[in-house]
Amino acid sequence: LDKGELIQGHRIFNLLNDPTPMVVGQQLILDLAQESGLLTPVSSFVRVKLNDKNIGVYHYETAADEGLLRASQRMPGSIYASSLASSVATGSSSGPAEEVQK
């Protein structure tokens, strides 16, 4: 895409043509996750035309990047952050593995 040009409001996205029916299940899971308040990429089925020729229905999915955070009205930063990383770095644990070692 040219600079500033967007498709459905996004510059970076994937068009997937998966021959298995699993893509429908994946879409249902994404819909449920979004309804539950989880961050999910924009995802839907779209009809794709190339040079005025219909080439089929594809699964449209945006990238899990800064745009996902901005669309969710969140500050840009790491999407993949947890307290687990800090507990591993310090060697502290309060999970079942510590109880087994006692």
PDB file of N, CA and C in Angstrom:
ATOM      1  N   LEU A   1       0.836  -1.183   0.000  1.00  0.00           N
ATOM      2  CA  LEU A   1       0.000   0.000   0.000  1.00  0.00           C
ATOM      3  C   LEU A   1       0.875   1.239   0.000  1.00  0.00           C
ATOM      4  N   ASP A   2       0.380   2.274  -0.632  1.00  0.00           N
ATOM      5  CA  ASP A   2       1.092   3.542  -0.623  1.00  0.00           C
ATOM      6  C   ASP A   2       1.003   4.153   0.767  1.00  0.00           C
ATOM      7  N   LYS A   3       1.956   5.033   1.086  1.00  0.00           N
ATOM      8  CA  LYS A   3       1.972   5.686   2.388  1.00  0.00           C
ATOM      9  C   LYS A   3       0.650   6.431   2.599  1.00  0.00           C
ATOM     10  N   GLY A   4       0.024   6.207   3.747  1.00  0.00           N
ATOM     11  CA  GLY A   4      -1.240   6.842   4.072  1.00  0.00           C
ATOM     12  C   GLY A   4      -2.464   6.108   3.563  1.00  0.00           C
ATOM     13  N   GLU A   5      -2.275   5.106   2.711  1.00  0.00           N
ATOM     14  CA  GLU A   5      -3.405   4.342   2.185  1.00  0.00           C
ATOM     15  C   GLU A   5      -3.768   3.221   3.158  1.00  0.00           C
ATOM     16  N   LEU A   6      -5.055   3.095   3.466  1.00  0.00           N
ATOM     17  CA  LEU A   6      -5.517   2.094   4.412  1.00  0.00           C
ATOM     18  C   LEU A   6      -6.608   1.234   3.795  1.00  0.00           C
ATOM     19  N   ILE A   7      -6.703   0.004   4.250  1.00  0.00           N
ATOM     20  CA  ILE A   7      -7.796  -0.885   3.875  1.00  0.00           C
ATOM     21  C   ILE A   7      -8.507  -1.262   5.166  1.00  0.00           C
ATOM     22  N   GLN A   8      -9.771  -0.933   5.248  1.00  0.00           N
ATOM     23  CA  GLN A   8     -10.585  -1.116   6.451  1.00  0.00           C
ATOM     24  C   GLN A   8      -9.905  -0.477   7.672  1.00  0.00           C
ATOM     25  N   GLY A   9      -9.218   0.637   7.440  1.00  0.00           N
ATOM     26  CA  GLY A   9      -8.587   1.375   8.526  1.00  0.00           C
ATOM     27  C   GLY A   9      -7.229   0.851   8.951  1.00  0.00           C
ATOM     28  N   HIS A  10      -6.662  -0.090   8.213  1.00  0.00           N
ATOM     29  CA  HIS A  10      -5.378  -0.683   8.591  1.00  0.00           C
ATOM     30  C   HIS A  10      -4.419  -0.703   7.410  1.00  0.00           C
ATOM     31  N   ARG A  11      -3.159  -0.543   7.729  1.00  0.00           N
ATOM     32  CA  ARG A  11      -2.113  -0.610   6.715  1.00  0.00           C
ATOM     33  C   ARG A  11      -1.478  -1.994   6.663  1.00  0.00           C
ATOM     34  N   ILE A  12      -1.371  -2.648   7.820  1.00  0.00           N
ATOM     35  CA  ILE A  12      -0.751  -3.974   7.898  1.00  0.00           C
ATOM     36  C   ILE A  12      -1.831  -4.989   8.263  1.00  0.00           C
ATOM     37  N   PHE A  13      -1.978  -6.017   7.431  1.00  0.00           N
ATOM     38  CA  PHE A  13      -2.983  -7.051   7.670  1.00  0.00           C
ATOM     39  C   PHE A  13      -2.591  -8.308   6.912  1.00  0.00           C
ATOM     40  N   ASN A  14      -3.271  -9.384   7.213  1.00  0.00           N
ATOM     41  CA  ASN A  14      -3.055 -10.661   6.532  1.00  0.00           C
ATOM     42  C   ASN A  14      -4.346 -11.081   5.843  1.00  0.00           C
ATOM     43  N   LEU A  15      -4.209 -11.657   4.668  1.00  0.00           N
ATOM     44  CA  LEU A  15      -5.317 -12.302   3.975  1.00  0.00           C
ATOM     45  C   LEU A  15      -4.977 -13.782   3.895  1.00  0.00           C
ATOM     46  N   LEU A  16      -5.753 -14.587   4.599  1.00  0.00           N
ATOM     47  CA  LEU A  16      -5.462 -16.018   4.705  1.00  0.00           C
ATOM     48  C   LEU A  16      -6.492 -16.823   3.928  1.00  0.00           C
ATOM     49  N   ASN A  17      -6.013 -17.763   3.146  1.00  0.00           N
ATOM     50  CA  ASN A  17      -6.895 -18.651   2.399  1.00  0.00           C
ATOM     51  C   ASN A  17      -6.631 -20.070   2.866  1.00  0.00           C
ATOM     52  N   ASP A  18      -7.178 -20.395   4.022  1.00  0.00           N
ATOM     53  CA  ASP A  18      -6.979 -21.706   4.633  1.00  0.00           C
ATOM     54  C   ASP A  18      -8.040 -22.661   4.095  1.00  0.00           C
ATOM     55  N   PRO A  19      -7.640 -23.775   3.484  1.00  0.00           N
ATOM     56  CA  PRO A  19      -8.630 -24.691   2.903  1.00  0.00           C
ATOM     57  C   PRO A  19      -9.380 -25.521   3.944  1.00  0.00           C
ATOM     58  N   THR A  20      -8.934 -25.503   5.201  1.00  0.00           N
ATOM     59  CA  THR A  20      -9.607 -26.296   6.228  1.00  0.00           C
ATOM     60  C   THR A  20     -10.729 -25.492   6.876  1.00  0.00           C
ATOM     61  N   PRO A  21     -11.717 -26.166   7.441  1.00  0.00           N
ATOM     62  CA  PRO A  21     -12.806 -25.448   8.116  1.00  0.00           C
ATOM     63  C   PRO A  21     -12.395 -24.869   9.472  1.00  0.00           C
ATOM     64  N   MET A  22     -11.168 -25.099   9.928  1.00  0.00           N
ATOM     65  CA  MET A  22     -10.714 -24.610  11.228  1.00  0.00           C
ATOM     66  C   MET A  22     -10.716 -23.088  11.320  1.00  0.00           C
ATOM     67  N   VAL A  23     -10.600 -22.411  10.211  1.00  0.00           N
ATOM     68  CA  VAL A  23     -10.562 -20.954  10.221  1.00  0.00           C
ATOM     69  C   VAL A  23     -11.886 -20.382  10.731  1.00  0.00           C
ATOM     70  N   VAL A  24     -12.979 -21.082  10.520  1.00  0.00           N
ATOM     71  CA  VAL A  24     -14.270 -20.630  11.038  1.00  0.00           C
ATOM     72  C   VAL A  24     -14.266 -20.727  12.566  1.00  0.00           C
ATOM     73  N   GLY A  25     -13.720 -21.803  13.102  1.00  0.00           N
ATOM     74  CA  GLY A  25     -13.606 -21.963  14.551  1.00  0.00           C
ATOM     75  C   GLY A  25     -12.700 -20.907  15.159  1.00  0.00           C
ATOM     76  N   GLN A  26     -11.610 -20.596  14.481  1.00  0.00           N
ATOM     77  CA  GLN A  26     -10.702 -19.559  14.963  1.00  0.00           C
ATOM     78  C   GLN A  26     -11.407 -18.213  15.019  1.00  0.00           C
ATOM     79  N   GLN A  27     -12.235 -17.926  14.026  1.00  0.00           N
ATOM     80  CA  GLN A  27     -12.986 -16.671  14.012  1.00  0.00           C
ATOM     81  C   GLN A  27     -13.957 -16.614  15.180  1.00  0.00           C
ATOM     82  N   LEU A  28     -14.628 -17.723  15.476  1.00  0.00           N
ATOM     83  CA  LEU A  28     -15.552 -17.764  16.606  1.00  0.00           C
ATOM     84  C   LEU A  28     -14.822 -17.522  17.928  1.00  0.00           C
ATOM     85  N   ILE A  29     -13.631 -18.100  18.068  1.00  0.00           N
ATOM     86  CA  ILE A  29     -12.829 -17.898  19.278  1.00  0.00           C
ATOM     87  C   ILE A  29     -12.418 -16.441  19.413  1.00  0.00           C
ATOM     88  N   LEU A  30     -11.992 -15.821  18.319  1.00  0.00           N
ATOM     89  CA  LEU A  30     -11.634 -14.402  18.363  1.00  0.00           C
ATOM     90  C   LEU A  30     -12.831 -13.542  18.729  1.00  0.00           C
ATOM     91  N   ASP A  31     -13.996 -13.867  18.196  1.00  0.00           N
ATOM     92  CA  ASP A  31     -15.211 -13.111  18.527  1.00  0.00           C
ATOM     93  C   ASP A  31     -15.540 -13.232  20.016  1.00  0.00           C
ATOM     94  N   LEU A  32     -15.444 -14.445  20.568  1.00  0.00           N
ATOM     95  CA  LEU A  32     -15.711 -14.651  21.990  1.00  0.00           C
ATOM     96  C   LEU A  32     -14.690 -13.923  22.862  1.00  0.00           C
ATOM     97  N   ALA A  33     -13.427 -13.969  22.459  1.00  0.00           N
ATOM     98  CA  ALA A  33     -12.383 -13.287  23.218  1.00  0.00           C
ATOM     99  C   ALA A  33     -12.627 -11.776  23.228  1.00  0.00           C
ATOM    100  N   GLN A  34     -13.018 -11.235  22.097  1.00  0.00           N
ATOM    101  CA  GLN A  34     -13.287  -9.800  22.002  1.00  0.00           C
ATOM    102  C   GLN A  34     -14.487  -9.424  22.873  1.00  0.00           C
ATOM    103  N   GLU A  35     -15.527 -10.234  22.872  1.00  0.00           N
ATOM    104  CA  GLU A  35     -16.697  -9.982  23.712  1.00  0.00           C
ATOM    105  C   GLU A  35     -16.350 -10.049  25.201  1.00  0.00           C
ATOM    106  N   SER A  36     -15.313 -10.831  25.536  1.00  0.00           N
ATOM    107  CA  SER A  36     -14.881 -10.962  26.928  1.00  0.00           C
ATOM    108  C   SER A  36     -13.946  -9.839  27.355  1.00  0.00           C
ATOM    109  N   GLY A  37     -13.621  -8.953  26.431  1.00  0.00           N
ATOM    110  CA  GLY A  37     -12.771  -7.817  26.765  1.00  0.00           C
ATOM    111  C   GLY A  37     -11.291  -8.019  26.522  1.00  0.00           C
ATOM    112  N   LEU A  38     -10.905  -9.122  25.898  1.00  0.00           N
ATOM    113  CA  LEU A  38      -9.498  -9.365  25.588  1.00  0.00           C
ATOM    114  C   LEU A  38      -9.083  -8.583  24.345  1.00  0.00           C
ATOM    115  N   LEU A  39      -7.805  -8.247  24.276  1.00  0.00           N
ATOM    116  CA  LEU A  39      -7.285  -7.592  23.074  1.00  0.00           C
ATOM    117  C   LEU A  39      -7.237  -8.618  21.954  1.00  0.00           C
ATOM    118  N   THR A  40      -7.890  -8.309  20.872  1.00  0.00           N
ATOM    119  CA  THR A  40      -7.877  -9.207  19.714  1.00  0.00           C
ATOM    120  C   THR A  40      -7.695  -8.378  18.450  1.00  0.00           C
ATOM    121  N   PRO A  41      -7.028  -8.949  17.461  1.00  0.00           N
ATOM    122  CA  PRO A  41      -6.912  -8.231  16.193  1.00  0.00           C
ATOM    123  C   PRO A  41      -8.268  -8.167  15.497  1.00  0.00           C
ATOM    124  N   VAL A  42      -8.432  -7.178  14.620  1.00  0.00           N
ATOM    125  CA  VAL A  42      -9.640  -7.101  13.804  1.00  0.00           C
ATOM    126  C   VAL A  42      -9.604  -8.295  12.862  1.00  0.00           C
ATOM    127  N   SER A  43     -10.710  -9.006  12.786  1.00  0.00           N
ATOM    128  CA  SER A  43     -10.726 -10.242  12.018  1.00  0.00           C
ATOM    129  C   SER A  43     -12.117 -10.457  11.437  1.00  0.00           C
ATOM    130  N   SER A  44     -12.164 -10.843  10.170  1.00  0.00           N
ATOM    131  CA  SER A  44     -13.447 -11.135   9.525  1.00  0.00           C
ATOM    132  C   SER A  44     -13.182 -11.874   8.219  1.00  0.00           C
ATOM    133  N   PHE A  45     -14.254 -12.254   7.561  1.00  0.00           N
ATOM    134  CA  PHE A  45     -14.142 -12.862   6.243  1.00  0.00           C
ATOM    135  C   PHE A  45     -14.435 -11.788   5.205  1.00  0.00           C
ATOM    136  N   VAL A  46     -13.645 -11.759   4.148  1.00  0.00           N
ATOM    137  CA  VAL A  46     -13.815 -10.749   3.103  1.00  0.00           C
ATOM    138  C   VAL A  46     -13.750 -11.406   1.727  1.00  0.00           C
ATOM    139  N   ARG A  47     -14.487 -10.824   0.801  1.00  0.00           N
ATOM    140  CA  ARG A  47     -14.423 -11.262  -0.591  1.00  0.00           C
ATOM    141  C   ARG A  47     -13.290 -10.482  -1.257  1.00  0.00           C
ATOM    142  N   VAL A  48     -12.389 -11.171  -1.913  1.00  0.00           N
ATOM    143  CA  VAL A  48     -11.206 -10.533  -2.510  1.00  0.00           C
ATOM    144  C   VAL A  48     -11.329 -10.541  -4.030  1.00  0.00           C
ATOM    145  N   LYS A  49     -11.097  -9.362  -4.615  1.00  0.00           N
ATOM    146  CA  LYS A  49     -11.047  -9.214  -6.069  1.00  0.00           C
ATOM    147  C   LYS A  49      -9.656  -8.739  -6.444  1.00  0.00           C
ATOM    148  N   LEU A  50      -9.123  -9.280  -7.513  1.00  0.00           N
ATOM    149  CA  LEU A  50      -7.814  -8.880  -8.032  1.00  0.00           C
ATOM    150  C   LEU A  50      -7.969  -8.616  -9.522  1.00  0.00           C
ATOM    151  N   ASN A  51      -7.689  -7.396  -9.941  1.00  0.00           N
ATOM    152  CA  ASN A  51      -7.861  -7.005 -11.343  1.00  0.00           C
ATOM    153  C   ASN A  51      -9.275  -7.308 -11.837  1.00  0.00           C
ATOM    154  N   ASP A  52     -10.263  -6.925 -11.026  1.00  0.00           N
ATOM    155  CA  ASP A  52     -11.680  -7.123 -11.331  1.00  0.00           C
ATOM    156  C   ASP A  52     -12.091  -8.587 -11.462  1.00  0.00           C
ATOM    157  N   LYS A  53     -11.263  -9.488 -10.944  1.00  0.00           N
ATOM    158  CA  LYS A  53     -11.603 -10.910 -10.968  1.00  0.00           C
ATOM    159  C   LYS A  53     -11.795 -11.385  -9.529  1.00  0.00           C
ATOM    160  N   ASN A  54     -12.951 -11.989  -9.256  1.00  0.00           N
ATOM    161  CA  ASN A  54     -13.245 -12.503  -7.933  1.00  0.00           C
ATOM    162  C   ASN A  54     -12.366 -13.731  -7.678  1.00  0.00           C
ATOM    163  N   ILE A  55     -11.521 -13.667  -6.650  1.00  0.00           N
ATOM    164  CA  ILE A  55     -10.644 -14.817  -6.376  1.00  0.00           C
ATOM    165  C   ILE A  55     -11.051 -15.588  -5.121  1.00  0.00           C
ATOM    166  N   GLY A  56     -12.138 -15.166  -4.476  1.00  0.00           N
ATOM    167  CA  GLY A  56     -12.663 -15.961  -3.377  1.00  0.00           C
ATOM    168  C   GLY A  56     -12.817 -15.213  -2.066  1.00  0.00           C
ATOM    169  N   VAL A  57     -13.200 -15.988  -1.047  1.00  0.00           N
ATOM    170  CA  VAL A  57     -13.378 -15.457   0.302  1.00  0.00           C
ATOM    171  C   VAL A  57     -12.128 -15.783   1.101  1.00  0.00           C
ATOM    172  N   TYR A  58     -11.584 -14.754   1.743  1.00  0.00           N
ATOM    173  CA  TYR A  58     -10.367 -14.890   2.533  1.00  0.00           C
ATOM    174  C   TYR A  58     -10.635 -14.447   3.966  1.00  0.00           C
ATOM    175  N   HIS A  59      -9.794 -14.896   4.865  1.00  0.00           N
ATOM    176  CA  HIS A  59      -9.871 -14.471   6.258  1.00  0.00           C
ATOM    177  C   HIS A  59      -8.952 -13.264   6.417  1.00  0.00           C
ATOM    178  N   TYR A  60      -9.540 -12.128   6.773  1.00  0.00           N
ATOM    179  CA  TYR A  60      -8.818 -10.861   6.959  1.00  0.00           C
ATOM    180  C   TYR A  60      -8.492 -10.727   8.433  1.00  0.00           C
ATOM    181  N   GLU A  61      -7.210 -10.485   8.747  1.00  0.00           N
ATOM    182  CA  GLU A  61      -6.806 -10.326  10.150  1.00  0.00           C
ATOM    183  C   GLU A  61      -5.696  -9.295  10.233  1.00  0.00           C
ATOM    184  N   THR A  62      -5.872  -8.321  11.140  1.00  0.00           N
ATOM    185  CA  THR A  62      -4.853  -7.293  11.312  1.00  0.00           C
ATOM    186  C   THR A  62      -3.719  -7.818  12.187  1.00  0.00           C
ATOM    187  N   ALA A  63      -2.605  -7.123  12.155  1.00  0.00           N
ATOM    188  CA  ALA A  63      -1.435  -7.524  12.929  1.00  0.00           C
ATOM    189  C   ALA A  63      -1.605  -7.147  14.400  1.00  0.00           C
ATOM    190  N   ALA A  64      -1.024  -7.941  15.286  1.00  0.00           N
ATOM    191  CA  ALA A  64      -1.009  -7.629  16.720  1.00  0.00           C
ATOM    192  C   ALA A  64       0.178  -6.707  16.976  1.00  0.00           C
ATOM    193  N   ASP A  65      -0.016  -5.426  16.691  1.00  0.00           N
ATOM    194  CA  ASP A  65       1.064  -4.457  16.825  1.00  0.00           C
ATOM    195  C   ASP A  65       0.569  -3.227  17.574  1.00  0.00           C
ATOM    196  N   GLU A  66       1.276  -2.138  17.459  1.00  0.00           N
ATOM    197  CA  GLU A  66       0.908  -0.905  18.141  1.00  0.00           C
ATOM    198  C   GLU A  66      -0.500  -0.437  17.760  1.00  0.00           C
ATOM    199  N   GLY A  67      -0.902  -0.682  16.528  1.00  0.00           N
ATOM    200  CA  GLY A  67      -2.238  -0.303  16.081  1.00  0.00           C
ATOM    201  C   GLY A  67      -3.333  -0.993  16.883  1.00  0.00           C
ATOM    202  N   LEU A  68      -3.079  -2.216  17.310  1.00  0.00           N
ATOM    203  CA  LEU A  68      -4.044  -2.946  18.139  1.00  0.00           C
ATOM    204  C   LEU A  68      -4.243  -2.219  19.467  1.00  0.00           C
ATOM    205  N   LEU A  69      -3.150  -1.773  20.063  1.00  0.00           N
ATOM    206  CA  LEU A  69      -3.243  -1.044  21.324  1.00  0.00           C
ATOM    207  C   LEU A  69      -3.943   0.298  21.141  1.00  0.00           C
ATOM    208  N   ARG A  70      -3.582   1.021  20.100  1.00  0.00           N
ATOM    209  CA  ARG A  70      -4.196   2.334  19.864  1.00  0.00           C
ATOM    210  C   ARG A  70      -5.697   2.207  19.592  1.00  0.00           C
ATOM    211  N   ALA A  71      -6.092   1.193  18.842  1.00  0.00           N
ATOM    212  CA  ALA A  71      -7.509   0.983  18.558  1.00  0.00           C
ATOM    213  C   ALA A  71      -8.288   0.636  19.826  1.00  0.00           C
ATOM    214  N   SER A  72      -7.598   0.077  20.815  1.00  0.00           N
ATOM    215  CA  SER A  72      -8.224  -0.279  22.092  1.00  0.00           C
ATOM    216  C   SER A  72      -8.074   0.830  23.125  1.00  0.00           C
ATOM    217  N   GLN A  73      -7.614   2.017  22.670  1.00  0.00           N
ATOM    218  CA  GLN A  73      -7.437   3.181  23.533  1.00  0.00           C
ATOM    219  C   GLN A  73      -6.448   2.903  24.665  1.00  0.00           C
ATOM    220  N   ARG A  74      -5.344   2.189  24.341  1.00  0.00           N
ATOM    221  CA  ARG A  74      -4.308   1.881  25.327  1.00  0.00           C
ATOM    222  C   ARG A  74      -2.988   2.488  24.888  1.00  0.00           C
ATOM    223  N   MET A  75      -2.141   2.766  25.852  1.00  0.00           N
ATOM    224  CA  MET A  75      -0.843   3.346  25.556  1.00  0.00           C
ATOM    225  C   MET A  75       0.027   2.315  24.825  1.00  0.00           C
ATOM    226  N   PRO A  76       0.710   2.723  23.769  1.00  0.00           N
ATOM    227  CA  PRO A  76       1.614   1.797  23.077  1.00  0.00           C
ATOM    228  C   PRO A  76       2.712   1.311  24.013  1.00  0.00           C
ATOM    229  N   GLY A  77       3.047   0.068  23.900  1.00  0.00           N
ATOM    230  CA  GLY A  77       4.083  -0.569  24.708  1.00  0.00           C
ATOM    231  C   GLY A  77       4.087  -2.048  24.398  1.00  0.00           C
ATOM    232  N   SER A  78       4.698  -2.815  25.263  1.00  0.00           N
ATOM    233  CA  SER A  78       4.783  -4.251  25.050  1.00  0.00           C
ATOM    234  C   SER A  78       3.413  -4.899  25.244  1.00  0.00           C
ATOM    235  N   ILE A  79       3.005  -5.668  24.265  1.00  0.00           N
ATOM    236  CA  ILE A  79       1.750  -6.405  24.374  1.00  0.00           C
ATOM    237  C   ILE A  79       1.981  -7.655  25.215  1.00  0.00           C
ATOM    238  N   TYR A  80       3.184  -8.204  25.123  1.00  0.00           N
ATOM    239  CA  TYR A  80       3.507  -9.464  25.769  1.00  0.00           C
ATOM    240  C   TYR A  80       4.322  -9.208  27.034  1.00  0.00           C
ATOM    241  N   ALA A  81       3.687  -8.755  28.082  1.00  0.00           N
ATOM    242  CA  ALA A  81       4.370  -8.504  29.350  1.00  0.00           C
ATOM    243  C   ALA A  81       3.630  -9.226  30.454  1.00  0.00           C
ATOM    244  N   SER A  82       4.383  -9.742  31.423  1.00  0.00           N
ATOM    245  CA  SER A  82       3.751 -10.393  32.567  1.00  0.00           C
ATOM    246  C   SER A  82       4.670 -10.305  33.774  1.00  0.00           C
ATOM    247  N   SER A  83       4.152 -10.637  34.924  1.00  0.00           N
ATOM    248  CA  SER A  83       4.965 -10.647  36.138  1.00  0.00           C
ATOM    249  C   SER A  83       5.825 -11.904  36.195  1.00  0.00           C
ATOM    250  N   LEU A  84       5.537 -12.896  35.376  1.00  0.00           N
ATOM    251  CA  LEU A  84       6.311 -14.134  35.362  1.00  0.00           C
ATOM    252  C   LEU A  84       7.762 -13.866  34.990  1.00  0.00           C
ATOM    253  N   ALA A  85       8.004 -12.984  34.039  1.00  0.00           N
ATOM    254  CA  ALA A  85       9.367 -12.689  33.604  1.00  0.00           C
ATOM    255  C   ALA A  85      10.197 -12.141  34.750  1.00  0.00           C
ATOM    256  N   SER A  86       9.652 -11.282  35.598  1.00  0.00           N
ATOM    257  CA  SER A  86      10.412 -10.722  36.705  1.00  0.00           C
ATOM    258  C   SER A  86      10.658 -11.761  37.784  1.00  0.00           C
ATOM    259  N   SER A  87       9.719 -12.679  38.033  1.00  0.00           N
ATOM    260  CA  SER A  87       9.936 -13.698  39.055  1.00  0.00           C
ATOM    261  C   SER A  87      10.976 -14.721  38.602  1.00  0.00           C
ATOM    262  N   VAL A  88      11.054 -14.989  37.315  1.00  0.00           N
ATOM    263  CA  VAL A  88      12.072 -15.908  36.794  1.00  0.00           C
ATOM    264  C   VAL A  88      13.448 -15.265  36.904  1.00  0.00           C
ATOM    265  N   ALA A  89      13.531 -13.965  36.600  1.00  0.00           N
ATOM    266  CA  ALA A  89      14.809 -13.255  36.659  1.00  0.00           C
ATOM    267  C   ALA A  89      15.349 -13.172  38.078  1.00  0.00           C
ATOM    268  N   THR A  90      14.474 -13.024  39.077  1.00  0.00           N
ATOM    269  CA  THR A  90      14.925 -12.901  40.465  1.00  0.00           C
ATOM    270  C   THR A  90      15.034 -14.246  41.153  1.00  0.00           C
ATOM    271  N   GLY A  91      14.503 -15.289  40.535  1.00  0.00           N
ATOM    272  CA  GLY A  91      14.577 -16.617  41.131  1.00  0.00           C
ATOM    273  C   GLY A  91      13.485 -16.869  42.151  1.00  0.00           C
ATOM    274  N   SER A  92      12.561 -15.953  42.308  1.00  0.00           N
ATOM    275  CA  SER A  92      11.483 -16.151  43.275  1.00  0.00           C
ATOM    276  C   SER A  92      10.342 -16.907  42.616  1.00  0.00           C
ATOM    277  N   SER A  93       9.662 -17.693  43.420  1.00  0.00           N
ATOM    278  CA  SER A  93       8.532 -18.452  42.921  1.00  0.00           C
ATOM    279  C   SER A  93       7.585 -18.731  44.074  1.00  0.00           C
ATOM    280  N   SER A  94       6.335 -18.759  43.779  1.00  0.00           N
ATOM    281  CA  SER A  94       5.368 -19.128  44.807  1.00  0.00           C
ATOM    282  C   SER A  94       4.381 -20.138  44.236  1.00  0.00           C
ATOM    283  N   GLY A  95       4.786 -20.822  43.196  1.00  0.00           N
ATOM    284  CA  GLY A  95       3.906 -21.775  42.536  1.00  0.00           C
ATOM    285  C   GLY A  95       4.091 -23.173  43.041  1.00  0.00           C
ATOM    286  N   PRO A  96       3.436 -24.142  42.413  1.00  0.00           N
ATOM    287  CA  PRO A  96       3.488 -25.535  42.815  1.00  0.00           C
ATOM    288  C   PRO A  96       4.886 -26.142  42.776  1.00  0.00           C
ATOM    289  N   ALA A  97       5.755 -25.669  41.893  1.00  0.00           N
ATOM    290  CA  ALA A  97       7.107 -26.218  41.805  1.00  0.00           C
ATOM    291  C   ALA A  97       7.879 -25.980  43.081  1.00  0.00           C
ATOM    292  N   GLU A  98       7.674 -24.846  43.734  1.00  0.00           N
ATOM    293  CA  GLU A  98       8.364 -24.566  44.995  1.00  0.00           C
ATOM    294  C   GLU A  98       7.873 -25.491  46.095  1.00  0.00           C
ATOM    295  N   GLU A  99       6.593 -25.794  46.119  1.00  0.00           N
ATOM    296  CA  GLU A  99       6.040 -26.672  47.150  1.00  0.00           C
ATOM    297  C   GLU A  99       6.576 -28.082  46.991  1.00  0.00           C
ATOM    298  N   VAL A 100       6.796 -28.554  45.794  1.00  0.00           N
ATOM    299  CA  VAL A 100       7.319 -29.888  45.564  1.00  0.00           C
ATOM    300  C   VAL A 100       8.743 -30.001  46.075  1.00  0.00           C
ATOM    301  N   GLN A 101       9.535 -28.937  45.964  1.00  0.00           N
ATOM    302  CA  GLN A 101      10.934 -28.969  46.379  1.00  0.00           C
ATOM    303  C   GLN A 101      11.098 -29.007  47.881  1.00  0.00           C
ATOM    304  N   LYS A 102      10.107 -28.610  48.657  1.00  0.00           N
ATOM    305  CA  LYS A 102      10.223 -28.540  50.135  1.00  0.00           C
ATOM    306  C   LYS A 102      10.285 -29.883  50.762  1.00  0.00           C
TER     307      LYS A 102
END
